[in-house]
C-alpha cells in the first residue's frame, strides 16, 4: 500500500547537503527541497484511503501520524508491516502542487506491475510522507525500489532503496515486532 500524508510535525531532518553520504541512492534538489529524511519505519494502520488509480491497489493509505524513521538507511527487509520512504518539506515560501510521485519496483507476481504513481502536495509548513508499506505477500519483491517526486518537469528528489530478503535486515524486523515503544 502506498502512503501519503501531510501533517505538521517536529522532527530531526537530514539537510539536502548531507544526502550524498548514501552515495547515488539519493538525489535532491536543494533549491526545491528544504529538508529530506528517508529510511525504514514500522507500518501503521491507515485511518482512511484516497483513490490512486495508477497504483496496484488503486488507493493510497492515509496514516494518522508521520512515521518514526527507525533506520535511516536504504536497505529494507521484504517483510509484512515494514514501511519505507521519504519525508520532505519545501523551502519557506514555496509550495509544490501538484507533485507527481513515481515508485518503481521489480514486477509484482501475477500482475507484473512495476510502476505506480499518485499526486500529492509538498509545502513549507509541514513534512509530506512519500512511502510504501508491505501489507500483502504479493508486494514482497526484492530488488531496487525508487521513489521520485516531480513538480512539472523538475525533479524534487529521487531515493533508491534496496529491498532484501528478511534475514538480511533482521534488526529492522525485530524493532517493529517490539511495537511502538520509544
N, C-alpha and C. Protein backbone atom coordinates (compact mmCIF):
# COMPACT_ATOMS: atom_id res chain seq x y z
N UNK A 1 0.82 -1.19 0.00
CA UNK A 1 0.00 0.00 0.00
C UNK A 1 0.86 1.25 0.00
N UNK A 2 0.47 2.20 -0.75
CA UNK A 2 1.16 3.46 -0.80
C UNK A 2 0.70 4.32 0.37
N UNK A 3 1.59 5.14 0.85
CA UNK A 3 1.23 6.05 1.92
C UNK A 3 1.47 7.47 1.46
N UNK A 4 0.56 8.32 1.77
CA UNK A 4 0.75 9.74 1.55
C UNK A 4 0.16 10.44 2.77
N UNK A 5 0.88 11.40 3.27
CA UNK A 5 0.41 12.07 4.47
C UNK A 5 1.00 13.45 4.51
N UNK A 6 0.20 14.40 4.93
CA UNK A 6 0.70 15.74 5.16
C UNK A 6 0.18 16.16 6.53
N UNK A 7 1.09 16.32 7.48
CA UNK A 7 0.75 16.73 8.83
C UNK A 7 1.84 17.62 9.40
N UNK A 8 1.50 18.58 10.26
CA UNK A 8 2.54 19.33 10.93
C UNK A 8 3.33 18.38 11.84
N UNK A 9 4.63 18.59 11.94
CA UNK A 9 5.45 17.71 12.75
C UNK A 9 6.74 18.40 13.13
N UNK A 10 7.26 18.04 14.28
CA UNK A 10 8.59 18.47 14.68
C UNK A 10 9.46 17.23 14.68
N UNK A 11 10.54 17.24 13.91
CA UNK A 11 11.44 16.11 13.90
C UNK A 11 12.80 16.55 13.39
N UNK A 12 13.79 15.71 13.63
CA UNK A 12 15.11 15.98 13.10
C UNK A 12 15.10 15.63 11.63
N UNK A 13 15.73 16.44 10.82
CA UNK A 13 15.71 16.20 9.38
C UNK A 13 17.12 16.18 8.84
N UNK A 14 17.29 15.44 7.78
CA UNK A 14 18.54 15.39 7.07
C UNK A 14 18.54 16.52 6.08
N UNK A 15 19.48 17.43 6.18
CA UNK A 15 19.58 18.53 5.24
C UNK A 15 20.04 17.99 3.90
N UNK A 16 19.56 18.56 2.80
CA UNK A 16 19.92 18.03 1.49
C UNK A 16 21.42 17.92 1.28
N UNK A 17 22.20 18.81 1.81
CA UNK A 17 23.64 18.75 1.64
C UNK A 17 24.27 17.52 2.25
N UNK A 18 23.57 16.86 3.16
CA UNK A 18 24.11 15.67 3.81
C UNK A 18 23.73 14.39 3.07
N UNK A 19 22.80 14.48 2.14
CA UNK A 19 22.31 13.30 1.46
C UNK A 19 23.37 12.48 0.74
N UNK A 20 24.43 13.06 0.16
CA UNK A 20 25.39 12.24 -0.56
C UNK A 20 26.08 11.17 0.28
N UNK A 21 25.93 11.18 1.58
CA UNK A 21 26.51 10.12 2.42
C UNK A 21 25.99 8.76 1.99
N UNK A 22 24.82 8.70 1.38
CA UNK A 22 24.24 7.45 0.91
C UNK A 22 24.65 7.16 -0.54
N UNK A 23 25.57 7.95 -1.10
CA UNK A 23 26.02 7.72 -2.47
C UNK A 23 24.96 8.14 -3.46
N UNK A 24 24.93 7.46 -4.58
CA UNK A 24 23.99 7.79 -5.65
C UNK A 24 22.57 7.34 -5.34
N UNK A 25 22.34 6.72 -4.20
CA UNK A 25 21.00 6.28 -3.85
C UNK A 25 20.05 7.45 -3.62
N UNK A 26 20.61 8.64 -3.35
CA UNK A 26 19.78 9.79 -3.03
C UNK A 26 20.18 10.99 -3.88
N UNK A 27 19.18 11.58 -4.55
CA UNK A 27 19.38 12.85 -5.24
C UNK A 27 18.30 13.79 -4.73
N UNK A 28 18.69 15.02 -4.46
CA UNK A 28 17.72 16.01 -4.02
C UNK A 28 18.13 17.36 -4.57
N UNK A 29 17.15 18.14 -5.01
CA UNK A 29 17.42 19.49 -5.50
C UNK A 29 17.30 20.44 -4.31
N UNK A 30 18.42 20.97 -3.81
CA UNK A 30 18.37 21.82 -2.61
C UNK A 30 17.63 23.14 -2.82
N UNK A 31 17.41 23.53 -4.07
CA UNK A 31 16.62 24.73 -4.34
C UNK A 31 15.12 24.45 -4.22
N UNK A 32 14.74 23.18 -4.32
CA UNK A 32 13.32 22.82 -4.31
C UNK A 32 12.89 22.07 -3.05
N UNK A 33 13.84 21.52 -2.30
CA UNK A 33 13.54 20.74 -1.10
C UNK A 33 14.39 21.29 0.05
N UNK A 34 13.72 21.76 1.10
CA UNK A 34 14.43 22.32 2.26
C UNK A 34 14.95 21.23 3.18
N UNK A 35 14.16 20.18 3.38
CA UNK A 35 14.54 19.09 4.28
C UNK A 35 14.07 17.77 3.71
N UNK A 36 14.88 16.74 3.94
CA UNK A 36 14.58 15.41 3.44
C UNK A 36 15.06 14.39 4.45
N UNK A 37 14.20 13.44 4.79
CA UNK A 37 14.53 12.34 5.68
C UNK A 37 14.06 11.08 4.98
N UNK A 38 14.87 10.02 5.00
CA UNK A 38 14.46 8.78 4.35
C UNK A 38 14.87 7.61 5.22
N UNK A 39 14.20 6.50 5.03
CA UNK A 39 14.56 5.30 5.77
C UNK A 39 13.41 4.34 5.93
N UNK A 40 13.56 3.49 6.96
CA UNK A 40 12.64 2.39 7.21
C UNK A 40 11.87 2.67 8.50
N UNK A 41 10.59 2.34 8.49
CA UNK A 41 9.74 2.55 9.66
C UNK A 41 8.79 1.37 9.82
N UNK A 42 8.16 1.31 10.96
CA UNK A 42 7.14 0.29 11.23
C UNK A 42 5.81 0.82 10.70
N UNK A 43 5.16 0.05 9.85
CA UNK A 43 3.92 0.49 9.22
C UNK A 43 2.81 0.64 10.25
N UNK A 44 1.92 1.60 9.98
CA UNK A 44 0.76 1.84 10.83
C UNK A 44 -0.52 1.53 10.05
N UNK A 45 -1.57 1.25 10.78
CA UNK A 45 -2.87 1.08 10.15
C UNK A 45 -3.34 2.43 9.62
N UNK A 46 -3.86 2.47 8.40
CA UNK A 46 -4.35 3.74 7.87
C UNK A 46 -5.65 4.16 8.55
N UNK A 47 -5.88 5.47 8.58
CA UNK A 47 -7.15 6.00 9.09
C UNK A 47 -8.17 6.14 7.97
N UNK A 48 -7.66 6.21 6.73
CA UNK A 48 -8.53 6.26 5.56
C UNK A 48 -7.67 6.02 4.33
N UNK A 49 -8.33 5.91 3.20
CA UNK A 49 -7.62 5.76 1.93
C UNK A 49 -8.10 6.85 0.98
N UNK A 50 -7.28 7.12 -0.03
CA UNK A 50 -7.66 8.03 -1.10
C UNK A 50 -7.44 7.32 -2.42
N UNK A 51 -8.27 7.60 -3.38
CA UNK A 51 -8.15 6.98 -4.69
C UNK A 51 -6.81 7.32 -5.33
N UNK A 52 -6.18 6.31 -5.90
CA UNK A 52 -4.94 6.47 -6.64
C UNK A 52 -4.94 5.41 -7.75
N UNK A 53 -5.62 5.71 -8.85
CA UNK A 53 -5.85 4.69 -9.87
C UNK A 53 -4.58 4.14 -10.52
N UNK A 54 -3.47 4.85 -10.45
CA UNK A 54 -2.23 4.36 -11.07
C UNK A 54 -1.35 3.58 -10.08
N UNK A 55 -1.99 2.99 -9.05
CA UNK A 55 -1.26 2.14 -8.11
C UNK A 55 -1.85 0.73 -8.19
N UNK A 56 -1.08 -0.24 -7.71
CA UNK A 56 -1.53 -1.63 -7.77
C UNK A 56 -2.84 -1.85 -7.03
N UNK A 57 -3.00 -1.20 -5.87
CA UNK A 57 -4.21 -1.39 -5.07
C UNK A 57 -5.33 -0.41 -5.44
N UNK A 58 -4.99 0.63 -6.18
CA UNK A 58 -5.98 1.64 -6.56
C UNK A 58 -6.21 2.71 -5.52
N UNK A 59 -5.49 2.62 -4.39
CA UNK A 59 -5.63 3.61 -3.32
C UNK A 59 -4.26 3.87 -2.67
N UNK A 60 -4.17 5.00 -1.98
CA UNK A 60 -3.05 5.25 -1.08
C UNK A 60 -3.61 5.33 0.33
N UNK A 61 -2.82 4.87 1.28
CA UNK A 61 -3.22 4.91 2.68
C UNK A 61 -2.88 6.26 3.28
N UNK A 62 -3.79 6.77 4.09
CA UNK A 62 -3.52 7.97 4.86
C UNK A 62 -3.38 7.52 6.31
N UNK A 63 -2.20 7.73 6.86
CA UNK A 63 -1.91 7.28 8.23
C UNK A 63 -2.11 8.43 9.21
N UNK A 64 -2.33 8.11 10.50
CA UNK A 64 -2.67 9.16 11.46
C UNK A 64 -1.51 10.11 11.79
N UNK A 65 -0.30 9.61 11.77
CA UNK A 65 0.86 10.42 12.13
C UNK A 65 2.01 10.09 11.20
N UNK A 66 2.95 11.02 11.12
CA UNK A 66 4.16 10.71 10.38
C UNK A 66 4.88 9.57 11.09
N UNK A 67 5.43 8.64 10.32
CA UNK A 67 6.13 7.53 10.97
C UNK A 67 7.46 7.98 11.56
N UNK A 68 7.90 7.23 12.54
CA UNK A 68 9.24 7.44 13.09
C UNK A 68 10.19 6.64 12.22
N UNK A 69 11.12 7.32 11.58
CA UNK A 69 12.12 6.63 10.78
C UNK A 69 13.08 5.96 11.77
N UNK A 70 12.93 4.67 11.95
CA UNK A 70 13.74 3.94 12.93
C UNK A 70 15.13 3.61 12.41
N UNK A 71 15.26 3.49 11.10
CA UNK A 71 16.55 3.17 10.48
C UNK A 71 16.74 4.10 9.29
N UNK A 72 17.65 5.06 9.41
CA UNK A 72 17.96 6.00 8.33
C UNK A 72 18.91 5.31 7.36
N UNK A 73 18.32 4.44 6.54
CA UNK A 73 19.10 3.64 5.61
C UNK A 73 18.25 3.34 4.39
N UNK A 74 18.89 2.80 3.36
CA UNK A 74 18.17 2.47 2.14
C UNK A 74 18.02 0.96 1.95
N UNK A 75 18.42 0.16 2.93
CA UNK A 75 18.23 -1.29 2.88
C UNK A 75 16.96 -1.62 3.67
N UNK A 76 16.04 -2.34 3.01
CA UNK A 76 14.71 -2.59 3.56
C UNK A 76 14.43 -4.10 3.53
N UNK A 77 13.98 -4.68 4.66
CA UNK A 77 13.62 -6.10 4.62
C UNK A 77 12.26 -6.29 3.94
N UNK A 78 12.16 -7.32 3.11
CA UNK A 78 10.88 -7.67 2.49
C UNK A 78 10.06 -8.44 3.51
N UNK A 79 9.32 -7.70 4.35
CA UNK A 79 8.54 -8.32 5.42
C UNK A 79 7.26 -7.52 5.61
N UNK A 80 6.18 -8.22 5.89
CA UNK A 80 4.91 -7.55 6.14
C UNK A 80 5.03 -6.58 7.30
N UNK A 81 4.28 -5.50 7.21
CA UNK A 81 4.21 -4.45 8.24
C UNK A 81 5.46 -3.60 8.34
N UNK A 82 6.34 -3.69 7.36
CA UNK A 82 7.50 -2.81 7.28
C UNK A 82 7.16 -1.73 6.27
N UNK A 83 7.53 -0.49 6.59
CA UNK A 83 7.33 0.63 5.69
C UNK A 83 8.66 1.31 5.41
N UNK A 84 8.72 2.01 4.31
CA UNK A 84 9.93 2.76 3.97
C UNK A 84 9.55 3.92 3.07
N UNK A 85 10.37 4.95 3.09
CA UNK A 85 10.04 6.09 2.25
C UNK A 85 10.79 7.34 2.63
N UNK A 86 10.18 8.47 2.24
CA UNK A 86 10.81 9.77 2.30
C UNK A 86 9.87 10.77 2.97
N UNK A 87 10.41 11.56 3.89
CA UNK A 87 9.72 12.71 4.44
C UNK A 87 10.39 13.94 3.83
N UNK A 88 9.61 14.84 3.26
CA UNK A 88 10.20 16.02 2.63
C UNK A 88 9.40 17.27 2.96
N UNK A 89 10.10 18.41 2.85
CA UNK A 89 9.47 19.71 3.10
C UNK A 89 10.06 20.70 2.10
N UNK A 90 9.21 21.57 1.56
CA UNK A 90 9.65 22.59 0.60
C UNK A 90 10.28 23.77 1.34
N UNK A 91 11.07 24.57 0.64
CA UNK A 91 11.63 25.78 1.26
C UNK A 91 10.52 26.76 1.64
N UNK A 92 10.80 27.62 2.61
CA UNK A 92 9.84 28.64 3.01
C UNK A 92 9.39 29.43 1.78
N UNK A 93 8.10 29.69 1.70
CA UNK A 93 7.54 30.47 0.60
C UNK A 93 7.30 29.68 -0.67
N UNK A 94 7.55 28.38 -0.65
CA UNK A 94 7.38 27.54 -1.84
C UNK A 94 6.37 26.44 -1.58
N UNK A 95 5.45 26.26 -2.50
CA UNK A 95 4.51 25.14 -2.45
C UNK A 95 4.59 24.42 -3.78
N UNK A 96 4.87 23.15 -3.74
CA UNK A 96 4.86 22.32 -4.95
C UNK A 96 3.51 21.60 -4.99
N UNK A 97 2.67 22.00 -5.94
CA UNK A 97 1.34 21.43 -6.04
C UNK A 97 0.84 21.62 -7.47
N UNK A 98 0.70 20.56 -8.21
CA UNK A 98 0.78 19.16 -7.82
C UNK A 98 2.20 18.61 -7.93
N UNK A 99 2.45 17.56 -7.16
CA UNK A 99 3.70 16.79 -7.22
C UNK A 99 3.32 15.38 -7.64
N UNK A 100 3.97 14.89 -8.67
CA UNK A 100 3.74 13.51 -9.10
C UNK A 100 4.79 12.62 -8.45
N UNK A 101 4.32 11.65 -7.70
CA UNK A 101 5.19 10.65 -7.07
C UNK A 101 5.19 9.42 -7.98
N UNK A 102 6.38 8.94 -8.28
CA UNK A 102 6.51 7.72 -9.07
C UNK A 102 7.35 6.73 -8.28
N UNK A 103 6.78 5.56 -8.03
CA UNK A 103 7.50 4.48 -7.36
C UNK A 103 7.71 3.38 -8.40
N UNK A 104 8.98 2.99 -8.58
CA UNK A 104 9.27 1.87 -9.46
C UNK A 104 9.83 0.73 -8.61
N UNK A 105 9.53 -0.49 -9.02
CA UNK A 105 9.97 -1.67 -8.25
C UNK A 105 9.98 -2.87 -9.18
N UNK A 106 10.60 -3.98 -8.75
CA UNK A 106 10.51 -5.20 -9.56
C UNK A 106 9.04 -5.60 -9.74
N UNK A 107 8.74 -6.36 -10.78
CA UNK A 107 7.33 -6.70 -11.06
C UNK A 107 6.68 -7.49 -9.94
N UNK A 108 5.43 -7.11 -9.64
CA UNK A 108 4.65 -7.87 -8.67
C UNK A 108 4.23 -9.19 -9.32
N UNK A 109 4.29 -10.29 -8.57
CA UNK A 109 3.84 -11.57 -9.13
C UNK A 109 2.36 -11.48 -9.51
N UNK A 110 2.02 -12.09 -10.60
CA UNK A 110 0.63 -12.10 -11.04
C UNK A 110 0.28 -10.91 -11.91
N UNK A 111 0.46 -9.69 -11.41
CA UNK A 111 0.06 -8.51 -12.17
C UNK A 111 1.18 -7.97 -13.05
N UNK A 112 2.43 -8.18 -12.66
CA UNK A 112 3.54 -7.63 -13.42
C UNK A 112 3.74 -6.14 -13.23
N UNK A 113 2.97 -5.51 -12.34
CA UNK A 113 3.07 -4.06 -12.14
C UNK A 113 4.46 -3.70 -11.63
N UNK A 114 5.07 -2.68 -12.28
CA UNK A 114 6.40 -2.21 -11.91
C UNK A 114 6.45 -0.72 -11.60
N UNK A 115 5.44 0.03 -12.00
CA UNK A 115 5.42 1.48 -11.81
C UNK A 115 4.08 1.87 -11.20
N UNK A 116 4.16 2.69 -10.15
CA UNK A 116 2.94 3.20 -9.50
C UNK A 116 3.09 4.71 -9.35
N UNK A 117 1.98 5.44 -9.53
CA UNK A 117 2.02 6.90 -9.45
C UNK A 117 0.82 7.42 -8.68
N UNK A 118 1.05 8.55 -8.04
CA UNK A 118 -0.05 9.30 -7.44
C UNK A 118 0.38 10.76 -7.33
N UNK A 119 -0.57 11.62 -7.03
CA UNK A 119 -0.32 13.05 -6.95
C UNK A 119 -0.49 13.51 -5.52
N UNK A 120 0.38 14.40 -5.09
CA UNK A 120 0.33 14.95 -3.74
C UNK A 120 0.77 16.40 -3.78
N UNK A 121 1.04 16.94 -2.62
CA UNK A 121 1.48 18.33 -2.44
C UNK A 121 2.63 18.32 -1.45
N UNK A 122 3.64 19.17 -1.68
CA UNK A 122 4.74 19.33 -0.73
C UNK A 122 4.89 20.82 -0.46
N UNK A 123 4.66 21.20 0.79
CA UNK A 123 4.72 22.60 1.17
C UNK A 123 5.80 22.87 2.20
N UNK A 124 5.94 24.13 2.62
CA UNK A 124 7.00 24.50 3.55
C UNK A 124 6.63 24.31 5.02
N UNK A 125 5.35 24.27 5.32
CA UNK A 125 4.92 24.30 6.71
C UNK A 125 4.85 22.94 7.37
N UNK A 126 4.95 21.88 6.59
CA UNK A 126 4.78 20.54 7.15
C UNK A 126 5.51 19.52 6.29
N UNK A 127 5.89 18.42 6.90
CA UNK A 127 6.52 17.35 6.14
C UNK A 127 5.45 16.56 5.40
N UNK A 128 5.83 16.04 4.26
CA UNK A 128 4.97 15.18 3.46
C UNK A 128 5.62 13.81 3.41
N UNK A 129 4.84 12.76 3.62
CA UNK A 129 5.34 11.40 3.56
C UNK A 129 5.10 10.82 2.18
N UNK A 130 6.14 10.31 1.58
CA UNK A 130 6.06 9.51 0.37
C UNK A 130 6.57 8.14 0.77
N UNK A 131 5.68 7.19 0.96
CA UNK A 131 6.12 5.92 1.50
C UNK A 131 5.35 4.74 0.96
N UNK A 132 5.84 3.58 1.32
CA UNK A 132 5.23 2.32 0.92
C UNK A 132 5.34 1.38 2.09
N UNK A 133 4.25 0.67 2.38
CA UNK A 133 4.31 -0.36 3.42
C UNK A 133 3.92 -1.70 2.80
N UNK A 134 4.58 -2.74 3.26
CA UNK A 134 4.27 -4.09 2.78
C UNK A 134 3.07 -4.61 3.55
N UNK A 135 1.93 -4.67 2.87
CA UNK A 135 0.68 -5.07 3.51
C UNK A 135 0.21 -6.46 3.09
N UNK A 136 0.62 -6.91 1.91
CA UNK A 136 0.20 -8.22 1.41
C UNK A 136 1.42 -8.94 0.82
N UNK A 137 1.43 -10.26 0.86
CA UNK A 137 2.60 -11.02 0.39
C UNK A 137 3.02 -10.71 -1.05
N UNK A 138 2.08 -10.37 -1.93
CA UNK A 138 2.42 -10.09 -3.33
C UNK A 138 3.33 -8.87 -3.48
N UNK A 139 3.38 -8.02 -2.48
CA UNK A 139 4.21 -6.81 -2.55
C UNK A 139 5.67 -7.09 -2.14
N UNK A 140 5.95 -8.24 -1.60
CA UNK A 140 7.27 -8.53 -1.04
C UNK A 140 8.26 -8.95 -2.13
N UNK A 141 8.56 -8.03 -3.03
CA UNK A 141 9.52 -8.31 -4.10
C UNK A 141 10.85 -7.65 -3.78
N UNK A 142 11.91 -8.42 -3.89
CA UNK A 142 13.25 -7.90 -3.60
C UNK A 142 13.84 -7.25 -4.84
N UNK A 143 14.75 -6.33 -4.59
CA UNK A 143 15.41 -5.60 -5.67
C UNK A 143 15.35 -4.11 -5.40
N UNK A 144 15.65 -3.34 -6.42
CA UNK A 144 15.70 -1.88 -6.27
C UNK A 144 14.31 -1.28 -6.43
N UNK A 145 13.95 -0.44 -5.46
CA UNK A 145 12.72 0.34 -5.48
C UNK A 145 13.14 1.81 -5.49
N UNK A 146 12.53 2.62 -6.34
CA UNK A 146 12.85 4.04 -6.35
C UNK A 146 11.60 4.88 -6.08
N UNK A 147 11.83 5.97 -5.37
CA UNK A 147 10.79 6.95 -5.08
C UNK A 147 11.27 8.26 -5.72
N UNK A 148 10.50 8.81 -6.64
CA UNK A 148 10.85 10.07 -7.28
C UNK A 148 9.67 11.02 -7.18
N UNK A 149 9.98 12.29 -6.95
CA UNK A 149 8.95 13.33 -6.87
C UNK A 149 9.27 14.39 -7.91
N UNK A 150 8.27 14.74 -8.72
CA UNK A 150 8.44 15.76 -9.75
C UNK A 150 7.35 16.81 -9.63
N UNK A 151 7.76 18.06 -9.72
CA UNK A 151 6.84 19.19 -9.83
C UNK A 151 7.00 19.67 -11.27
N UNK A 152 6.06 19.33 -12.12
CA UNK A 152 6.23 19.60 -13.54
C UNK A 152 7.39 18.76 -14.06
N UNK A 153 8.31 19.39 -14.75
CA UNK A 153 9.48 18.69 -15.30
C UNK A 153 10.65 18.64 -14.32
N UNK A 154 10.55 19.32 -13.20
CA UNK A 154 11.68 19.41 -12.25
C UNK A 154 11.60 18.30 -11.22
N UNK A 155 12.71 17.57 -11.08
CA UNK A 155 12.79 16.52 -10.06
C UNK A 155 13.11 17.13 -8.71
N UNK A 156 12.23 16.89 -7.72
CA UNK A 156 12.47 17.36 -6.36
C UNK A 156 13.46 16.43 -5.65
N UNK A 157 13.17 15.13 -5.73
CA UNK A 157 14.07 14.14 -5.14
C UNK A 157 13.90 12.80 -5.82
N UNK A 158 14.90 11.97 -5.61
CA UNK A 158 14.92 10.59 -6.11
C UNK A 158 15.68 9.78 -5.07
N UNK A 159 15.04 8.79 -4.50
CA UNK A 159 15.68 7.95 -3.48
C UNK A 159 15.51 6.49 -3.91
N UNK A 160 16.63 5.76 -3.95
CA UNK A 160 16.60 4.34 -4.30
C UNK A 160 16.80 3.51 -3.04
N UNK A 161 15.92 2.55 -2.84
CA UNK A 161 16.01 1.61 -1.72
C UNK A 161 16.30 0.23 -2.29
N UNK A 162 17.00 -0.58 -1.51
CA UNK A 162 17.24 -1.96 -1.90
C UNK A 162 16.45 -2.85 -0.95
N UNK A 163 15.42 -3.51 -1.48
CA UNK A 163 14.61 -4.42 -0.69
C UNK A 163 15.28 -5.79 -0.74
N UNK A 164 15.55 -6.34 0.45
CA UNK A 164 16.33 -7.58 0.57
C UNK A 164 15.52 -8.64 1.30
N UNK A 165 15.94 -9.91 1.21
CA UNK A 165 15.27 -10.95 2.00
C UNK A 165 15.28 -10.58 3.48
N UNK A 166 14.24 -10.97 4.21
CA UNK A 166 14.10 -10.56 5.62
C UNK A 166 15.31 -10.86 6.50
N UNK A 167 15.98 -11.98 6.28
CA UNK A 167 17.11 -12.33 7.15
C UNK A 167 18.30 -11.40 6.96
N UNK A 168 18.33 -10.62 5.89
CA UNK A 168 19.44 -9.69 5.66
C UNK A 168 19.24 -8.36 6.39
N UNK A 169 18.07 -8.16 6.99
CA UNK A 169 17.79 -6.93 7.73
C UNK A 169 17.00 -7.26 8.98
N UNK A 170 17.39 -8.30 9.66
CA UNK A 170 16.66 -8.77 10.85
C UNK A 170 16.49 -7.71 11.94
N UNK A 171 17.48 -6.82 12.21
CA UNK A 171 17.26 -5.81 13.26
C UNK A 171 16.05 -4.91 13.00
N UNK A 172 15.78 -4.63 11.74
CA UNK A 172 14.62 -3.79 11.41
C UNK A 172 13.33 -4.52 11.78
N UNK A 173 13.24 -5.77 11.40
CA UNK A 173 12.04 -6.55 11.72
C UNK A 173 11.87 -6.67 13.23
N UNK A 174 12.95 -6.93 13.94
CA UNK A 174 12.89 -7.05 15.40
C UNK A 174 12.39 -5.76 16.03
N UNK A 175 12.84 -4.61 15.56
CA UNK A 175 12.42 -3.32 16.12
C UNK A 175 10.92 -3.12 15.93
N UNK A 176 10.39 -3.52 14.79
CA UNK A 176 8.96 -3.35 14.54
C UNK A 176 8.12 -4.37 15.29
N UNK A 177 8.63 -5.55 15.48
CA UNK A 177 7.89 -6.56 16.23
C UNK A 177 7.77 -6.20 17.71
N UNK A 178 8.70 -5.37 18.18
CA UNK A 178 8.64 -4.93 19.58
C UNK A 178 7.55 -3.89 19.78
N UNK A 179 7.00 -3.39 18.70
CA UNK A 179 5.92 -2.40 18.80
C UNK A 179 6.46 -0.99 18.82
N UNK A 180 5.60 -0.08 19.16
CA UNK A 180 5.94 1.33 19.12
C UNK A 180 6.37 1.84 20.48
N UNK A 181 7.34 1.19 21.05
CA UNK A 181 7.87 1.65 22.33
C UNK A 181 9.16 2.39 22.09
N UNK A 182 9.12 3.68 22.27
CA UNK A 182 10.31 4.51 22.05
C UNK A 182 10.70 5.19 23.34
